[in-house]
Amino acid sequence: MQAFPTTTVSILRGTTTTPAGDVVDSLTPVHTGVPASVMERNRLGIDSQTQDPRVYRYTVCRLPAGTDILDTDLVLDETSGKRYTVAAVSVLNSPVHTPDLRVDLQYIN
């Protein structure tokens, strides 16, 4: 892993059906103890409706190359207990080494 790990995460996958027939996440761990760099970032933007300045917060996670993660998974930060949905998984390119996976997360707790 190229990025400095700041925590460990669990990758949760799967769904189940409630007695009412609703499909919900089953929170079944696929991997636990995966080293990860999880960082919250801020971006300044302008609201398109009101033209007011806004601060948009987003979370970026770096995982070791080859980690089995899908854009339908949930990520649980084992240190803070925060849960995130996976918005996107990007495989970065490098001619020199195998780079980390970049995972864009959305906080759901």
PDB file of N, CA and C in Angstrom:
ATOM      1  N   MET A   1       0.853  -1.178   0.000  1.00  0.00           N
ATOM      2  CA  MET A   1       0.000   0.000   0.000  1.00  0.00           C
ATOM      3  C   MET A   1       0.889   1.228   0.000  1.00  0.00           C
ATOM      4  N   GLN A   2       0.610   2.154  -0.918  1.00  0.00           N
ATOM      5  CA  GLN A   2       1.423   3.359  -1.049  1.00  0.00           C
ATOM      6  C   GLN A   2       1.016   4.443  -0.043  1.00  0.00           C
ATOM      7  N   ALA A   3      -0.291   4.614   0.189  1.00  0.00           N
ATOM      8  CA  ALA A   3      -0.779   5.614   1.136  1.00  0.00           C
ATOM      9  C   ALA A   3      -0.520   5.126   2.558  1.00  0.00           C
ATOM     10  N   PHE A   4      -0.371   6.065   3.484  1.00  0.00           N
ATOM     11  CA  PHE A   4      -0.154   5.718   4.884  1.00  0.00           C
ATOM     12  C   PHE A   4      -1.486   5.329   5.517  1.00  0.00           C
ATOM     13  N   PRO A   5      -1.639   4.092   6.005  1.00  0.00           N
ATOM     14  CA  PRO A   5      -2.916   3.672   6.595  1.00  0.00           C
ATOM     15  C   PRO A   5      -3.227   4.459   7.870  1.00  0.00           C
ATOM     16  N   THR A   6      -4.440   4.978   7.957  1.00  0.00           N
ATOM     17  CA  THR A   6      -4.869   5.717   9.137  1.00  0.00           C
ATOM     18  C   THR A   6      -5.831   4.916   9.997  1.00  0.00           C
ATOM     19  N   THR A   7      -6.325   3.792   9.463  1.00  0.00           N
ATOM     20  CA  THR A   7      -7.291   2.970  10.183  1.00  0.00           C
ATOM     21  C   THR A   7      -7.359   1.601   9.511  1.00  0.00           C
ATOM     22  N   THR A   8      -8.210   0.757  10.030  1.00  0.00           N
ATOM     23  CA  THR A   8      -8.551  -0.491   9.346  1.00  0.00           C
ATOM     24  C   THR A   8     -10.050  -0.459   9.084  1.00  0.00           C
ATOM     25  N   VAL A   9     -10.464  -1.124   8.006  1.00  0.00           N
ATOM     26  CA  VAL A   9     -11.876  -1.126   7.643  1.00  0.00           C
ATOM     27  C   VAL A   9     -12.364  -2.542   7.412  1.00  0.00           C
ATOM     28  N   SER A  10     -13.678  -2.700   7.517  1.00  0.00           N
ATOM     29  CA  SER A  10     -14.353  -3.927   7.123  1.00  0.00           C
ATOM     30  C   SER A  10     -15.176  -3.602   5.891  1.00  0.00           C
ATOM     31  N   ILE A  11     -15.194  -4.526   4.948  1.00  0.00           N
ATOM     32  CA  ILE A  11     -16.003  -4.370   3.750  1.00  0.00           C
ATOM     33  C   ILE A  11     -17.220  -5.270   3.912  1.00  0.00           C
ATOM     34  N   LEU A  12     -18.405  -4.655   3.862  1.00  0.00           N
ATOM     35  CA  LEU A  12     -19.659  -5.352   4.101  1.00  0.00           C
ATOM     36  C   LEU A  12     -20.418  -5.495   2.792  1.00  0.00           C
ATOM     37  N   ARG A  13     -21.004  -6.654   2.577  1.00  0.00           N
ATOM     38  CA  ARG A  13     -21.667  -6.923   1.295  1.00  0.00           C
ATOM     39  C   ARG A  13     -22.902  -7.788   1.517  1.00  0.00           C
ATOM     40  N   GLY A  14     -23.859  -7.666   0.623  1.00  0.00           N
ATOM     41  CA  GLY A  14     -25.027  -8.535   0.615  1.00  0.00           C
ATOM     42  C   GLY A  14     -26.301  -7.828   1.023  1.00  0.00           C
ATOM     43  N   THR A  15     -27.418  -8.472   0.713  1.00  0.00           N
ATOM     44  CA  THR A  15     -28.733  -7.952   1.074  1.00  0.00           C
ATOM     45  C   THR A  15     -29.577  -9.076   1.640  1.00  0.00           C
ATOM     46  N   THR A  16     -30.631  -8.694   2.318  1.00  0.00           N
ATOM     47  CA  THR A  16     -31.595  -9.630   2.853  1.00  0.00           C
ATOM     48  C   THR A  16     -32.979  -9.013   2.709  1.00  0.00           C
ATOM     49  N   THR A  17     -34.010  -9.813   2.876  1.00  0.00           N
ATOM     50  CA  THR A  17     -35.378  -9.324   2.766  1.00  0.00           C
ATOM     51  C   THR A  17     -36.035  -9.322   4.135  1.00  0.00           C
ATOM     52  N   THR A  18     -36.681  -8.215   4.491  1.00  0.00           N
ATOM     53  CA  THR A  18     -37.393  -8.109   5.762  1.00  0.00           C
ATOM     54  C   THR A  18     -38.720  -8.848   5.666  1.00  0.00           C
ATOM     55  N   PRO A  19     -39.371  -9.110   6.803  1.00  0.00           N
ATOM     56  CA  PRO A  19     -40.688  -9.758   6.765  1.00  0.00           C
ATOM     57  C   PRO A  19     -41.716  -8.981   5.935  1.00  0.00           C
ATOM     58  N   ALA A  20     -41.518  -7.669   5.807  1.00  0.00           N
ATOM     59  CA  ALA A  20     -42.435  -6.841   5.015  1.00  0.00           C
ATOM     60  C   ALA A  20     -42.124  -6.919   3.524  1.00  0.00           C
ATOM     61  N   GLY A  21     -41.014  -7.600   3.165  1.00  0.00           N
ATOM     62  CA  GLY A  21     -40.651  -7.745   1.765  1.00  0.00           C
ATOM     63  C   GLY A  21     -39.680  -6.698   1.254  1.00  0.00           C
ATOM     64  N   ASP A  22     -39.163  -5.860   2.149  1.00  0.00           N
ATOM     65  CA  ASP A  22     -38.197  -4.834   1.746  1.00  0.00           C
ATOM     66  C   ASP A  22     -36.798  -5.430   1.685  1.00  0.00           C
ATOM     67  N   VAL A  23     -36.026  -5.015   0.697  1.00  0.00           N
ATOM     68  CA  VAL A  23     -34.636  -5.447   0.566  1.00  0.00           C
ATOM     69  C   VAL A  23     -33.759  -4.458   1.327  1.00  0.00           C
ATOM     70  N   VAL A  24     -32.961  -4.968   2.265  1.00  0.00           N
ATOM     71  CA  VAL A  24     -32.062  -4.132   3.068  1.00  0.00           C
ATOM     72  C   VAL A  24     -30.668  -4.749   3.049  1.00  0.00           C
ATOM     73  N   ASP A  25     -29.656  -3.934   3.373  1.00  0.00           N
ATOM     74  CA  ASP A  25     -28.286  -4.434   3.451  1.00  0.00           C
ATOM     75  C   ASP A  25     -28.167  -5.428   4.603  1.00  0.00           C
ATOM     76  N   SER A  26     -27.459  -6.538   4.373  1.00  0.00           N
ATOM     77  CA  SER A  26     -27.326  -7.569   5.412  1.00  0.00           C
ATOM     78  C   SER A  26     -26.114  -7.351   6.301  1.00  0.00           C
ATOM     79  N   LEU A  27     -25.199  -6.475   5.876  1.00  0.00           N
ATOM     80  CA  LEU A  27     -24.002  -6.140   6.663  1.00  0.00           C
ATOM     81  C   LEU A  27     -23.145  -7.366   6.956  1.00  0.00           C
ATOM     82  N   THR A  28     -23.030  -8.261   5.995  1.00  0.00           N
ATOM     83  CA  THR A  28     -22.182  -9.435   6.126  1.00  0.00           C
ATOM     84  C   THR A  28     -20.745  -9.049   5.780  1.00  0.00           C
ATOM     85  N   PRO A  29     -19.794  -9.215   6.716  1.00  0.00           N
ATOM     86  CA  PRO A  29     -18.408  -8.846   6.423  1.00  0.00           C
ATOM     87  C   PRO A  29     -17.782  -9.772   5.383  1.00  0.00           C
ATOM     88  N   VAL A  30     -17.230  -9.178   4.337  1.00  0.00           N
ATOM     89  CA  VAL A  30     -16.502  -9.924   3.316  1.00  0.00           C
ATOM     90  C   VAL A  30     -15.022  -9.937   3.676  1.00  0.00           C
ATOM     91  N   HIS A  31     -14.520  -8.791   4.121  1.00  0.00           N
ATOM     92  CA  HIS A  31     -13.131  -8.651   4.575  1.00  0.00           C
ATOM     93  C   HIS A  31     -13.127  -7.803   5.838  1.00  0.00           C
ATOM     94  N   THR A  32     -12.262  -8.133   6.777  1.00  0.00           N
ATOM     95  CA  THR A  32     -12.096  -7.319   7.986  1.00  0.00           C
ATOM     96  C   THR A  32     -10.616  -7.026   8.171  1.00  0.00           C
ATOM     97  N   GLY A  33     -10.320  -5.951   8.877  1.00  0.00           N
ATOM     98  CA  GLY A  33      -8.940  -5.605   9.171  1.00  0.00           C
ATOM     99  C   GLY A  33      -8.137  -5.138   7.971  1.00  0.00           C
ATOM    100  N   VAL A  34      -8.804  -4.605   6.956  1.00  0.00           N
ATOM    101  CA  VAL A  34      -8.106  -4.132   5.761  1.00  0.00           C
ATOM    102  C   VAL A  34      -7.479  -2.771   6.079  1.00  0.00           C
ATOM    103  N   PRO A  35      -6.146  -2.602   5.916  1.00  0.00           N
ATOM    104  CA  PRO A  35      -5.546  -1.291   6.167  1.00  0.00           C
ATOM    105  C   PRO A  35      -6.051  -0.285   5.147  1.00  0.00           C
ATOM    106  N   ALA A  36      -6.376   0.921   5.636  1.00  0.00           N
ATOM    107  CA  ALA A  36      -6.949   1.942   4.751  1.00  0.00           C
ATOM    108  C   ALA A  36      -6.542   3.330   5.207  1.00  0.00           C
ATOM    109  N   SER A  37      -6.490   4.217   4.248  1.00  0.00           N
ATOM    110  CA  SER A  37      -6.307   5.637   4.523  1.00  0.00           C
ATOM    111  C   SER A  37      -7.645   6.304   4.237  1.00  0.00           C
ATOM    112  N   VAL A  38      -8.326   6.762   5.286  1.00  0.00           N
ATOM    113  CA  VAL A  38      -9.631   7.404   5.144  1.00  0.00           C
ATOM    114  C   VAL A  38      -9.472   8.871   5.515  1.00  0.00           C
ATOM    115  N   MET A  39      -9.783   9.745   4.561  1.00  0.00           N
ATOM    116  CA  MET A  39      -9.642  11.178   4.799  1.00  0.00           C
ATOM    117  C   MET A  39     -10.873  11.931   4.326  1.00  0.00           C
ATOM    118  N   GLU A  40     -11.344  12.840   5.183  1.00  0.00           N
ATOM    119  CA  GLU A  40     -12.441  13.712   4.789  1.00  0.00           C
ATOM    120  C   GLU A  40     -11.855  14.960   4.157  1.00  0.00           C
ATOM    121  N   ARG A  41     -12.427  15.348   3.041  1.00  0.00           N
ATOM    122  CA  ARG A  41     -11.950  16.522   2.310  1.00  0.00           C
ATOM    123  C   ARG A  41     -13.071  17.543   2.211  1.00  0.00           C
ATOM    124  N   ASN A  42     -12.697  18.787   1.965  1.00  0.00           N
ATOM    125  CA  ASN A  42     -13.655  19.865   1.763  1.00  0.00           C
ATOM    126  C   ASN A  42     -13.410  20.506   0.414  1.00  0.00           C
ATOM    127  N   ARG A  43     -14.490  20.937  -0.206  1.00  0.00           N
ATOM    128  CA  ARG A  43     -14.387  21.668  -1.466  1.00  0.00           C
ATOM    129  C   ARG A  43     -15.361  22.838  -1.401  1.00  0.00           C
ATOM    130  N   LEU A  44     -14.877  24.004  -1.755  1.00  0.00           N
ATOM    131  CA  LEU A  44     -15.716  25.196  -1.780  1.00  0.00           C
ATOM    132  C   LEU A  44     -16.423  25.265  -3.127  1.00  0.00           C
ATOM    133  N   GLY A  45     -17.733  25.507  -3.086  1.00  0.00           N
ATOM    134  CA  GLY A  45     -18.509  25.611  -4.317  1.00  0.00           C
ATOM    135  C   GLY A  45     -19.576  26.673  -4.174  1.00  0.00           C
ATOM    136  N   ILE A  46     -20.289  26.903  -5.248  1.00  0.00           N
ATOM    137  CA  ILE A  46     -21.357  27.891  -5.268  1.00  0.00           C
ATOM    138  C   ILE A  46     -22.681  27.153  -5.495  1.00  0.00           C
ATOM    139  N   ASP A  47     -23.672  27.433  -4.634  1.00  0.00           N
ATOM    140  CA  ASP A  47     -24.996  26.855  -4.802  1.00  0.00           C
ATOM    141  C   ASP A  47     -25.612  27.404  -6.086  1.00  0.00           C
ATOM    142  N   SER A  48     -26.056  26.528  -6.978  1.00  0.00           N
ATOM    143  CA  SER A  48     -26.563  26.970  -8.280  1.00  0.00           C
ATOM    144  C   SER A  48     -27.885  27.726  -8.175  1.00  0.00           C
ATOM    145  N   GLN A  49     -28.646  27.495  -7.126  1.00  0.00           N
ATOM    146  CA  GLN A  49     -29.938  28.166  -6.968  1.00  0.00           C
ATOM    147  C   GLN A  49     -29.800  29.539  -6.321  1.00  0.00           C
ATOM    148  N   THR A  50     -29.033  29.604  -5.233  1.00  0.00           N
ATOM    149  CA  THR A  50     -28.959  30.848  -4.458  1.00  0.00           C
ATOM    150  C   THR A  50     -27.681  31.644  -4.693  1.00  0.00           C
ATOM    151  N   GLN A  51     -26.717  31.033  -5.361  1.00  0.00           N
ATOM    152  CA  GLN A  51     -25.406  31.643  -5.597  1.00  0.00           C
ATOM    153  C   GLN A  51     -24.624  31.884  -4.303  1.00  0.00           C
ATOM    154  N   ASP A  52     -25.031  31.229  -3.234  1.00  0.00           N
ATOM    155  CA  ASP A  52     -24.316  31.319  -1.962  1.00  0.00           C
ATOM    156  C   ASP A  52     -23.126  30.374  -1.971  1.00  0.00           C
ATOM    157  N   PRO A  53     -22.020  30.767  -1.341  1.00  0.00           N
ATOM    158  CA  PRO A  53     -20.890  29.843  -1.229  1.00  0.00           C
ATOM    159  C   PRO A  53     -21.246  28.694  -0.280  1.00  0.00           C
ATOM    160  N   ARG A  54     -20.797  27.506  -0.619  1.00  0.00           N
ATOM    161  CA  ARG A  54     -21.047  26.301   0.182  1.00  0.00           C
ATOM    162  C   ARG A  54     -19.752  25.527   0.352  1.00  0.00           C
ATOM    163  N   VAL A  55     -19.662  24.827   1.459  1.00  0.00           N
ATOM    164  CA  VAL A  55     -18.552  23.912   1.677  1.00  0.00           C
ATOM    165  C   VAL A  55     -19.116  22.503   1.541  1.00  0.00           C
ATOM    166  N   TYR A  56     -18.615  21.765   0.555  1.00  0.00           N
ATOM    167  CA  TYR A  56     -19.037  20.398   0.317  1.00  0.00           C
ATOM    168  C   TYR A  56     -18.001  19.461   0.932  1.00  0.00           C
ATOM    169  N   ARG A  57     -18.470  18.533   1.772  1.00  0.00           N
ATOM    170  CA  ARG A  57     -17.576  17.573   2.400  1.00  0.00           C
ATOM    171  C   ARG A  57     -17.711  16.233   1.695  1.00  0.00           C
ATOM    172  N   TYR A  58     -16.582  15.580   1.488  1.00  0.00           N
ATOM    173  CA  TYR A  58     -16.592  14.250   0.899  1.00  0.00           C
ATOM    174  C   TYR A  58     -15.457  13.445   1.508  1.00  0.00           C
ATOM    175  N   THR A  59     -15.551  12.144   1.397  1.00  0.00           N
ATOM    176  CA  THR A  59     -14.571  11.252   2.012  1.00  0.00           C
ATOM    177  C   THR A  59     -13.919  10.393   0.940  1.00  0.00           C
ATOM    178  N   VAL A  60     -12.593  10.299   1.012  1.00  0.00           N
ATOM    179  CA  VAL A  60     -11.809   9.497   0.079  1.00  0.00           C
ATOM    180  C   VAL A  60     -11.071   8.427   0.880  1.00  0.00           C
ATOM    181  N   CYS A  61     -11.082   7.223   0.361  1.00  0.00           N
ATOM    182  CA  CYS A  61     -10.412   6.098   1.010  1.00  0.00           C
ATOM    183  C   CYS A  61      -9.423   5.490   0.022  1.00  0.00           C
ATOM    184  N   ARG A  62      -8.251   5.146   0.512  1.00  0.00           N
ATOM    185  CA  ARG A  62      -7.268   4.396  -0.290  1.00  0.00           C
ATOM    186  C   ARG A  62      -7.126   3.018   0.315  1.00  0.00           C
ATOM    187  N   LEU A  63      -7.248   2.006  -0.543  1.00  0.00           N
ATOM    188  CA  LEU A  63      -7.118   0.610  -0.125  1.00  0.00           C
ATOM    189  C   LEU A  63      -5.988  -0.049  -0.895  1.00  0.00           C
ATOM    190  N   PRO A  64      -5.403  -1.109  -0.364  1.00  0.00           N
ATOM    191  CA  PRO A  64      -4.339  -1.800  -1.090  1.00  0.00           C
ATOM    192  C   PRO A  64      -4.832  -2.307  -2.446  1.00  0.00           C
ATOM    193  N   ALA A  65      -3.935  -2.308  -3.412  1.00  0.00           N
ATOM    194  CA  ALA A  65      -4.265  -2.808  -4.754  1.00  0.00           C
ATOM    195  C   ALA A  65      -4.776  -4.234  -4.653  1.00  0.00           C
ATOM    196  N   GLY A  66      -5.780  -4.550  -5.453  1.00  0.00           N
ATOM    197  CA  GLY A  66      -6.322  -5.902  -5.479  1.00  0.00           C
ATOM    198  C   GLY A  66      -7.378  -6.183  -4.427  1.00  0.00           C
ATOM    199  N   THR A  67      -7.729  -5.197  -3.610  1.00  0.00           N
ATOM    200  CA  THR A  67      -8.765  -5.405  -2.604  1.00  0.00           C
ATOM    201  C   THR A  67     -10.102  -5.638  -3.291  1.00  0.00           C
ATOM    202  N   ASP A  68     -10.824  -6.645  -2.849  1.00  0.00           N
ATOM    203  CA  ASP A  68     -12.127  -6.994  -3.425  1.00  0.00           C
ATOM    204  C   ASP A  68     -13.175  -6.043  -2.853  1.00  0.00           C
ATOM    205  N   ILE A  69     -13.551  -5.013  -3.623  1.00  0.00           N
ATOM    206  CA  ILE A  69     -14.575  -4.064  -3.203  1.00  0.00           C
ATOM    207  C   ILE A  69     -15.396  -3.672  -4.420  1.00  0.00           C
ATOM    208  N   LEU A  70     -16.710  -3.563  -4.213  1.00  0.00           N
ATOM    209  CA  LEU A  70     -17.643  -3.214  -5.274  1.00  0.00           C
ATOM    210  C   LEU A  70     -18.354  -1.910  -4.937  1.00  0.00           C
ATOM    211  N   ASP A  71     -18.943  -1.281  -5.947  1.00  0.00           N
ATOM    212  CA  ASP A  71     -19.642  -0.023  -5.681  1.00  0.00           C
ATOM    213  C   ASP A  71     -20.998  -0.225  -5.008  1.00  0.00           C
ATOM    214  N   THR A  72     -21.352  -1.473  -4.701  1.00  0.00           N
ATOM    215  CA  THR A  72     -22.573  -1.765  -3.948  1.00  0.00           C
ATOM    216  C   THR A  72     -22.271  -2.128  -2.492  1.00  0.00           C
ATOM    217  N   ASP A  73     -21.000  -2.104  -2.098  1.00  0.00           N
ATOM    218  CA  ASP A  73     -20.594  -2.488  -0.745  1.00  0.00           C
ATOM    219  C   ASP A  73     -20.751  -1.332   0.235  1.00  0.00           C
ATOM    220  N   LEU A  74     -20.668  -1.680   1.509  1.00  0.00           N
ATOM    221  CA  LEU A  74     -20.556  -0.702   2.585  1.00  0.00           C
ATOM    222  C   LEU A  74     -19.170  -0.843   3.191  1.00  0.00           C
ATOM    223  N   VAL A  75     -18.641   0.265   3.728  1.00  0.00           N
ATOM    224  CA  VAL A  75     -17.335   0.254   4.386  1.00  0.00           C
ATOM    225  C   VAL A  75     -17.544   0.693   5.828  1.00  0.00           C
ATOM    226  N   LEU A  76     -17.041  -0.096   6.760  1.00  0.00           N
ATOM    227  CA  LEU A  76     -17.112   0.220   8.183  1.00  0.00           C
ATOM    228  C   LEU A  76     -15.717   0.558   8.669  1.00  0.00           C
ATOM    229  N   ASP A  77     -15.542   1.789   9.154  1.00  0.00           N
ATOM    230  CA  ASP A  77     -14.272   2.202   9.754  1.00  0.00           C
ATOM    231  C   ASP A  77     -14.207   1.563  11.135  1.00  0.00           C
ATOM    232  N   GLU A  78     -13.283   0.645  11.338  1.00  0.00           N
ATOM    233  CA  GLU A  78     -13.211  -0.114  12.588  1.00  0.00           C
ATOM    234  C   GLU A  78     -12.728   0.731  13.763  1.00  0.00           C
ATOM    235  N   THR A  79     -12.056   1.849  13.492  1.00  0.00           N
ATOM    236  CA  THR A  79     -11.581   2.710  14.571  1.00  0.00           C
ATOM    237  C   THR A  79     -12.680   3.644  15.065  1.00  0.00           C
ATOM    238  N   SER A  80     -13.369   4.309  14.146  1.00  0.00           N
ATOM    239  CA  SER A  80     -14.382   5.301  14.530  1.00  0.00           C
ATOM    240  C   SER A  80     -15.795   4.724  14.589  1.00  0.00           C
ATOM    241  N   GLY A  81     -16.030   3.584  13.938  1.00  0.00           N
ATOM    242  CA  GLY A  81     -17.362   3.007  13.903  1.00  0.00           C
ATOM    243  C   GLY A  81     -18.266   3.621  12.842  1.00  0.00           C
ATOM    244  N   LYS A  82     -17.742   4.521  12.015  1.00  0.00           N
ATOM    245  CA  LYS A  82     -18.551   5.159  10.974  1.00  0.00           C
ATOM    246  C   LYS A  82     -18.760   4.199   9.816  1.00  0.00           C
ATOM    247  N   ARG A  83     -19.971   4.277   9.230  1.00  0.00           N
ATOM    248  CA  ARG A  83     -20.291   3.467   8.062  1.00  0.00           C
ATOM    249  C   ARG A  83     -20.445   4.371   6.844  1.00  0.00           C
ATOM    250  N   TYR A  84     -20.003   3.856   5.710  1.00  0.00           N
ATOM    251  CA  TYR A  84     -20.051   4.606   4.464  1.00  0.00           C
ATOM    252  C   TYR A  84     -20.590   3.708   3.353  1.00  0.00           C
ATOM    253  N   THR A  85     -21.267   4.323   2.385  1.00  0.00           N
ATOM    254  CA  THR A  85     -21.580   3.629   1.146  1.00  0.00           C
ATOM    255  C   THR A  85     -20.464   3.926   0.163  1.00  0.00           C
ATOM    256  N   VAL A  86     -20.227   3.016  -0.751  1.00  0.00           N
ATOM    257  CA  VAL A  86     -19.201   3.215  -1.773  1.00  0.00           C
ATOM    258  C   VAL A  86     -19.856   3.913  -2.955  1.00  0.00           C
ATOM    259  N   ALA A  87     -19.368   5.120  -3.274  1.00  0.00           N
ATOM    260  CA  ALA A  87     -19.901   5.881  -4.404  1.00  0.00           C
ATOM    261  C   ALA A  87     -19.192   5.498  -5.695  1.00  0.00           C
ATOM    262  N   ALA A  88     -17.892   5.264  -5.621  1.00  0.00           N
ATOM    263  CA  ALA A  88     -17.121   4.915  -6.816  1.00  0.00           C
ATOM    264  C   ALA A  88     -15.824   4.241  -6.403  1.00  0.00           C
ATOM    265  N   VAL A  89     -15.353   3.349  -7.258  1.00  0.00           N
ATOM    266  CA  VAL A  89     -14.051   2.696  -7.076  1.00  0.00           C
ATOM    267  C   VAL A  89     -13.223   3.009  -8.307  1.00  0.00           C
ATOM    268  N   SER A  90     -12.047   3.593  -8.101  1.00  0.00           N
ATOM    269  CA  SER A  90     -11.174   3.954  -9.218  1.00  0.00           C
ATOM    270  C   SER A  90      -9.857   3.215  -9.101  1.00  0.00           C
ATOM    271  N   VAL A  91      -9.430   2.631 -10.203  1.00  0.00           N
ATOM    272  CA  VAL A  91      -8.125   1.995 -10.265  1.00  0.00           C
ATOM    273  C   VAL A  91      -7.191   2.990 -10.932  1.00  0.00           C
ATOM    274  N   LEU A  92      -6.211   3.472 -10.179  1.00  0.00           N
ATOM    275  CA  LEU A  92      -5.274   4.458 -10.703  1.00  0.00           C
ATOM    276  C   LEU A  92      -4.195   3.761 -11.523  1.00  0.00           C
ATOM    277  N   ASN A  93      -3.581   4.473 -12.417  1.00  0.00           N
ATOM    278  CA  ASN A  93      -2.550   3.898 -13.285  1.00  0.00           C
ATOM    279  C   ASN A  93      -1.164   4.398 -12.903  1.00  0.00           C
ATOM    280  N   SER A  94      -0.192   3.519 -13.031  1.00  0.00           N
ATOM    281  CA  SER A  94       1.198   3.883 -12.801  1.00  0.00           C
ATOM    282  C   SER A  94       2.085   2.920 -13.580  1.00  0.00           C
ATOM    283  N   PRO A  95       3.070   3.442 -14.307  1.00  0.00           N
ATOM    284  CA  PRO A  95       3.975   2.545 -15.020  1.00  0.00           C
ATOM    285  C   PRO A  95       5.054   1.943 -14.119  1.00  0.00           C
ATOM    286  N   VAL A  96       5.163   2.446 -12.883  1.00  0.00           N
ATOM    287  CA  VAL A  96       6.260   2.057 -12.004  1.00  0.00           C
ATOM    288  C   VAL A  96       5.850   0.998 -10.981  1.00  0.00           C
ATOM    289  N   HIS A  97       4.669   1.155 -10.377  1.00  0.00           N
ATOM    290  CA  HIS A  97       4.240   0.240  -9.320  1.00  0.00           C
ATOM    291  C   HIS A  97       2.733   0.021  -9.429  1.00  0.00           C
ATOM    292  N   THR A  98       2.215  -0.915  -8.657  1.00  0.00           N
ATOM    293  CA  THR A  98       0.780  -1.158  -8.614  1.00  0.00           C
ATOM    294  C   THR A  98       0.172  -0.184  -7.611  1.00  0.00           C
ATOM    295  N   PRO A  99      -0.606   0.783  -8.091  1.00  0.00           N
ATOM    296  CA  PRO A  99      -1.127   1.808  -7.179  1.00  0.00           C
ATOM    297  C   PRO A  99      -2.310   1.315  -6.350  1.00  0.00           C
ATOM    298  N   ASP A 100      -2.592   2.070  -5.292  1.00  0.00           N
ATOM    299  CA  ASP A 100      -3.731   1.778  -4.429  1.00  0.00           C
ATOM    300  C   ASP A 100      -5.036   2.004  -5.179  1.00  0.00           C
ATOM    301  N   LEU A 101      -6.105   1.444  -4.622  1.00  0.00           N
ATOM    302  CA  LEU A 101      -7.445   1.739  -5.121  1.00  0.00           C
ATOM    303  C   LEU A 101      -7.939   3.024  -4.464  1.00  0.00           C
ATOM    304  N   ARG A 102      -8.575   3.890  -5.233  1.00  0.00           N
ATOM    305  CA  ARG A 102      -9.215   5.083  -4.676  1.00  0.00           C
ATOM    306  C   ARG A 102     -10.702   4.779  -4.594  1.00  0.00           C
ATOM    307  N   VAL A 103     -11.269   4.947  -3.395  1.00  0.00           N
ATOM    308  CA  VAL A 103     -12.682   4.667  -3.181  1.00  0.00           C
ATOM    309  C   VAL A 103     -13.333   5.941  -2.651  1.00  0.00           C
ATOM    310  N   ASP A 104     -14.332   6.442  -3.378  1.00  0.00           N
ATOM    311  CA  ASP A 104     -15.091   7.607  -2.925  1.00  0.00           C
ATOM    312  C   ASP A 104     -16.225   7.104  -2.059  1.00  0.00           C
ATOM    313  N   LEU A 105     -16.342   7.682  -0.856  1.00  0.00           N
ATOM    314  CA  LEU A 105     -17.313   7.219   0.127  1.00  0.00           C
ATOM    315  C   LEU A 105     -18.338   8.295   0.461  1.00  0.00           C
ATOM    316  N   GLN A 106     -19.526   7.849   0.909  1.00  0.00           N
ATOM    317  CA  GLN A 106     -20.551   8.740   1.422  1.00  0.00           C
ATOM    318  C   GLN A 106     -20.928   8.261   2.810  1.00  0.00           C
ATOM    319  N   TYR A 107     -20.869   9.168   3.781  1.00  0.00           N
ATOM    320  CA  TYR A 107     -21.150   8.847   5.183  1.00  0.00           C
ATOM    321  C   TYR A 107     -22.640   8.567   5.357  1.00  0.00           C
ATOM    322  N   ILE A 108     -23.008   7.486   6.065  1.00  0.00           N
ATOM    323  CA  ILE A 108     -24.414   7.151   6.241  1.00  0.00           C
ATOM    324  C   ILE A 108     -24.854   7.036   7.694  1.00  0.00           C
ATOM    325  N   ASN A 109     -23.974   7.111   8.689  1.00  0.00           N
ATOM    326  CA  ASN A 109     -24.397   7.003  10.101  1.00  0.00           C
ATOM    327  C   ASN A 109     -24.995   8.303  10.541  1.00  0.00           C
TER     328      ASN A 109
END
